[in-house]
Protein backbone atom coordinates (compact mmCIF):
# COMPACT_ATOMS: atom_id res chain seq x y z
CA MET A 1 -6.69 -11.97 19.85
CA THR A 2 -3.58 -10.73 18.03
CA ALA A 3 -2.04 -7.30 18.39
CA PHE A 4 -3.16 -6.51 14.89
CA GLN A 5 -6.73 -7.56 15.53
CA GLU A 6 -6.77 -5.40 18.69
CA HIS A 7 -5.44 -2.46 16.70
CA MET A 8 -8.08 -2.99 14.02
CA ARG A 9 -10.90 -2.98 16.64
CA ARG A 10 -9.68 0.20 18.33
CA ALA A 11 -9.18 1.96 14.96
CA GLY A 12 -12.68 0.92 13.87
CA GLU A 13 -14.21 2.24 17.00
CA ARG A 14 -12.42 5.61 16.44
CA ALA A 15 -13.66 5.63 12.87
CA LEU A 16 -17.25 5.35 14.00
CA GLU A 17 -16.73 8.08 16.58
CA ALA A 18 -15.43 10.31 13.79
CA LEU A 19 -18.64 9.97 11.69
CA PRO A 20 -20.17 13.46 11.22
CA VAL A 21 -22.80 13.92 13.93
CA PRO A 22 -25.34 15.75 11.74
CA LEU A 23 -25.28 12.87 9.21
CA ARG A 24 -25.59 10.02 11.69
CA PRO A 25 -29.37 9.82 11.56
CA GLU A 26 -29.18 9.37 7.76
CA ILE A 27 -26.35 6.83 7.59
CA TYR A 28 -27.74 3.48 6.46
CA VAL A 29 -24.59 1.60 5.61
CA ILE A 30 -20.94 1.50 6.76
CA SER A 31 -18.56 0.72 3.87
CA PHE A 32 -15.44 -1.33 4.40
CA ARG A 33 -13.37 -0.81 1.21
CA ILE A 34 -10.54 -3.30 1.08
CA TRP A 35 -7.62 -2.19 -1.07
CA ARG A 36 -3.87 -2.24 -1.25
CA HIS A 37 -1.02 0.26 -1.23
CA ASP A 38 -0.26 -1.12 -4.75
CA SER A 39 -3.45 -2.41 -6.26
CA LEU A 40 -2.20 -5.99 -6.80
CA ASP A 41 0.32 -6.29 -3.97
CA TRP A 42 -1.67 -8.40 -1.50
CA ARG A 43 1.11 -8.10 1.09
CA HIS A 44 0.18 -4.45 1.80
CA PRO A 45 -3.57 -4.20 2.25
CA TYR A 46 -5.60 -1.46 3.97
CA LEU A 47 -9.18 -0.98 5.03
CA ALA A 48 -10.87 2.35 4.29
CA ILE A 49 -13.97 2.99 6.39
CA GLY A 50 -16.73 5.07 4.95
CA TYR A 51 -20.53 5.42 4.84
CA ASN A 52 -23.50 6.41 2.74
CA THR A 53 -26.61 8.38 3.56
CA GLU A 54 -30.28 8.37 2.58
CA SER A 55 -29.84 11.92 1.21
CA GLU A 56 -27.05 10.78 -1.08
CA VAL A 57 -29.33 8.02 -2.51
CA ARG A 58 -32.06 10.55 -3.18
CA ARG A 59 -29.61 12.99 -4.69
CA VAL A 60 -28.17 10.43 -7.12
CA LEU A 61 -31.65 9.27 -8.22
CA ALA A 62 -32.83 12.82 -8.69
CA ALA A 63 -29.71 13.70 -10.76
CA GLN A 64 -30.42 10.78 -13.06
CA GLY A 65 -33.94 12.00 -13.83
CA ASP A 66 -35.87 9.94 -16.34
CA THR A 67 -32.85 7.61 -16.72
CA ALA A 68 -32.68 6.78 -13.07
CA SER A 69 -31.15 3.41 -12.16
CA ASP A 70 -32.81 0.87 -10.01
CA PRO A 71 -33.17 2.50 -6.56
CA GLY A 72 -31.88 -0.71 -4.95
CA GLU A 73 -28.71 -0.61 -7.02
CA VAL A 74 -28.10 3.06 -6.11
CA ARG A 75 -28.67 2.12 -2.49
CA TRP A 76 -26.52 -1.08 -2.29
CA SER A 77 -23.95 -0.91 -5.07
CA TYR A 78 -20.68 0.75 -3.98
CA ALA A 79 -20.35 2.17 -7.46
CA TYR A 80 -22.83 4.85 -6.44
CA TRP A 81 -21.46 5.57 -2.97
CA PRO A 82 -19.35 8.68 -2.44
CA LEU A 83 -16.86 6.58 -0.43
CA ASP A 84 -16.02 9.40 1.94
CA GLU A 85 -13.48 7.55 3.92
CA THR A 86 -12.00 10.32 6.00
CA ALA A 87 -13.35 8.47 9.03
CA GLY A 88 -10.51 6.04 9.05
CA ILE A 89 -7.87 4.08 7.09
CA VAL A 90 -6.34 1.06 8.75
CA GLY A 91 -3.21 -0.77 7.58
CA HIS A 92 -0.91 0.00 4.67
CA GLY A 93 -2.74 3.12 3.49
CA PRO A 94 -1.96 5.22 0.43
CA GLU A 95 0.06 7.61 2.62
CA PRO A 96 2.77 6.54 5.08
CA ALA A 97 1.11 8.64 7.81
CA ASP A 98 -2.28 6.94 7.40
CA ASP A 99 -1.65 4.16 9.94
CA PRO A 100 2.04 3.37 10.50
CA VAL A 101 1.31 1.36 13.65
CA GLY A 102 -1.33 -0.81 11.93
CA ALA A 103 0.99 -1.33 8.96
CA ALA A 104 3.82 -2.44 11.19
CA LEU A 105 1.58 -4.80 13.21
CA HIS A 106 0.18 -6.31 10.04
CA LEU A 107 3.62 -6.82 8.56
CA ALA A 108 4.88 -8.46 11.79
CA GLU A 109 1.85 -10.79 11.90
CA ILE A 110 2.07 -12.02 8.33
CA LYS A 111 5.78 -12.60 8.75
CA GLU A 112 5.15 -14.60 11.95
CA LEU A 113 2.48 -16.67 10.14
CA GLY A 114 4.89 -17.38 7.29
CA LEU A 115 2.75 -15.53 4.69
CA TRP A 116 5.29 -12.90 3.73
CA TYR A 117 7.44 -13.36 0.65
CA GLU A 118 10.02 -11.26 -1.14
CA ASP A 119 9.40 -10.33 -4.75
CA PHE A 120 10.19 -13.56 -6.65
CA ASP A 121 12.30 -11.78 -9.25
CA GLY A 122 13.63 -8.92 -7.17
CA PRO A 123 16.17 -8.13 -4.42
CA GLY A 124 15.85 -10.58 -1.56
CA ASP A 125 14.91 -13.50 -3.70
CA ASP A 126 17.39 -16.15 -2.75
CA ARG A 127 16.18 -18.80 -5.17
CA ALA A 128 18.11 -17.59 -8.22
CA ASP A 129 20.26 -20.67 -8.20
CA ASP A 130 17.68 -23.33 -7.34
CA ASP A 131 15.76 -25.51 -9.78
CA THR A 132 12.37 -23.77 -9.58
CA THR A 133 10.82 -22.60 -12.88
CA GLU A 134 9.06 -19.36 -13.48
CA GLU A 135 5.81 -21.33 -13.48
CA ASP A 136 6.65 -22.71 -10.02
CA ASP A 137 7.34 -19.24 -8.72
CA GLU A 138 4.03 -17.95 -10.06
CA GLU A 139 2.13 -20.83 -8.45
CA GLU A 140 3.84 -20.25 -5.10
CA GLN A 141 3.14 -16.55 -5.22
CA GLU A 142 -0.51 -17.15 -6.08
CA ALA A 143 -0.85 -19.60 -3.17
CA ARG A 144 0.70 -17.05 -0.76
CA ASP A 145 -1.54 -14.29 -2.11
CA ASP A 146 -4.65 -16.38 -1.52
CA LEU A 147 -3.57 -16.78 2.12
CA LEU A 148 -2.79 -13.10 2.47
CA ILE A 149 -6.22 -12.19 1.12
CA ALA A 150 -8.02 -14.57 3.48
CA HIS A 151 -5.96 -13.24 6.42
CA PHE A 152 -6.91 -9.64 5.82
CA ASP A 153 -10.55 -10.55 5.03
CA ASP A 154 -10.75 -12.31 8.34
CA ALA A 155 -9.41 -9.24 10.17
CA CYS A 156 -11.99 -7.04 8.49
CA VAL A 157 -14.87 -9.41 9.27
CA ASP A 158 -13.63 -9.66 12.87
CA LEU A 159 -13.75 -5.89 13.11
CA ALA A 160 -17.29 -5.67 11.67
CA ARG A 161 -18.54 -8.35 14.06
CA HIS A 162 -16.86 -6.53 16.98
CA LEU A 163 -18.60 -3.28 16.09
CA HIS A 164 -21.94 -5.10 16.14
CA THR A 165 -21.49 -7.32 19.19
CA SER A 166 -19.76 -4.65 21.34
CA GLY A 167 -22.63 -2.35 20.77
CA LYS A 168 -20.36 0.38 19.45
CA LEU A 169 -22.28 0.73 16.18
CA THR A 170 -25.59 1.15 17.96
CA GLU A 171 -24.03 3.50 20.50
CA VAL A 172 -22.81 5.82 17.74
CA LEU A 173 -25.71 5.62 15.23
CA GLY A 174 -28.56 4.71 17.58
CA ARG A 175 -29.30 1.57 15.59
CA ALA A 176 -27.59 -1.32 13.79
CA VAL A 177 -26.86 -0.82 10.05
CA PRO A 178 -25.09 -3.16 7.63
CA ILE A 179 -21.33 -3.12 7.43
CA LEU A 180 -20.41 -4.09 3.92
CA PRO A 181 -16.79 -5.10 3.18
CA PHE A 182 -15.84 -5.04 -0.55
CA ASP A 183 -12.84 -5.32 -2.79
CA MET A 184 -13.33 -3.85 -6.26
CA TYR A 185 -11.14 -6.64 -7.74
CA ARG A 186 -13.18 -9.41 -6.04
CA ALA A 187 -16.82 -8.58 -6.64
CA GLU A 188 -17.76 -12.24 -6.38
CA GLU A 189 -16.90 -12.14 -2.64
CA LEU A 190 -19.41 -9.39 -1.78
CA ASP A 191 -22.27 -11.58 -0.50
CA ARG A 192 -19.98 -13.95 1.45
CA LEU A 193 -18.32 -10.99 3.21
CA ALA A 194 -21.63 -9.36 3.94
CA GLU A 195 -22.92 -12.56 5.48
CA GLU A 196 -19.82 -13.14 7.62
CA ALA A 197 -19.66 -9.53 8.80
CA ASN A 198 -23.28 -8.97 9.92
CA PRO A 199 -26.15 -10.55 11.88
CA PRO A 200 -28.67 -11.90 9.33
CA GLU A 201 -31.47 -9.54 10.29
CA VAL A 202 -29.24 -6.50 9.73
CA ILE A 203 -28.50 -7.29 6.08
CA ALA A 204 -31.98 -8.65 5.15
CA ASP A 205 -32.69 -5.71 2.81
CA TYR A 206 -29.27 -5.98 1.20
CA HIS A 207 -29.76 -9.72 0.64
CA SER A 208 -33.17 -9.26 -0.89
CA TRP A 209 -31.68 -6.89 -3.46
CA ALA A 210 -28.64 -9.05 -4.11
CA ARG A 211 -30.71 -12.16 -4.64
CA ALA A 212 -33.00 -10.30 -7.06
CA GLN A 213 -29.93 -9.42 -9.16
CA GLU A 214 -29.15 -13.12 -9.47
CA GLY A 215 -32.56 -13.84 -10.92
């Protein structure tokens, strides 16, 4: 286990412990929102940990009245979640004070793995005099970005699995609930991330709804 993975696990445990005690019986999902300090700068990602409750689902449906959406969509689509993420932000958060240790560990790890790159057209780019074309630079950056995305996805999935297998999730909530990682720019990855992050039986209801949407 790397230092960054260890940090993610400890931060995730603290986030669960910070969940409001009065709401814990109603929490049915833990949200893992994957985002970046700058929305398309894949070198600086962060994980915002939140939740949704049964009461919030009922509130949204009641507020919609006769035009209410599909209850399953309100329940499982992050578009309807309040995304109260005060429980924890891990990595390169919107504010420097969010998680400076995690940000530093992540940066050190991606540099050690050879995933870091300087801006291809900015200070630190030492290829100004080589024969690479702009198209070559774009292809190289896209390849690095794909690796950076996969690296952070893996760290988030590892954290979710740890919260399940360590028993921490059950300890805090009294039962297992789905942990659903999502990136608003990569909606096509939702089901894969859900499957990788959870035991099959825990996401059975989510899967039933997701498959129904495909039909």
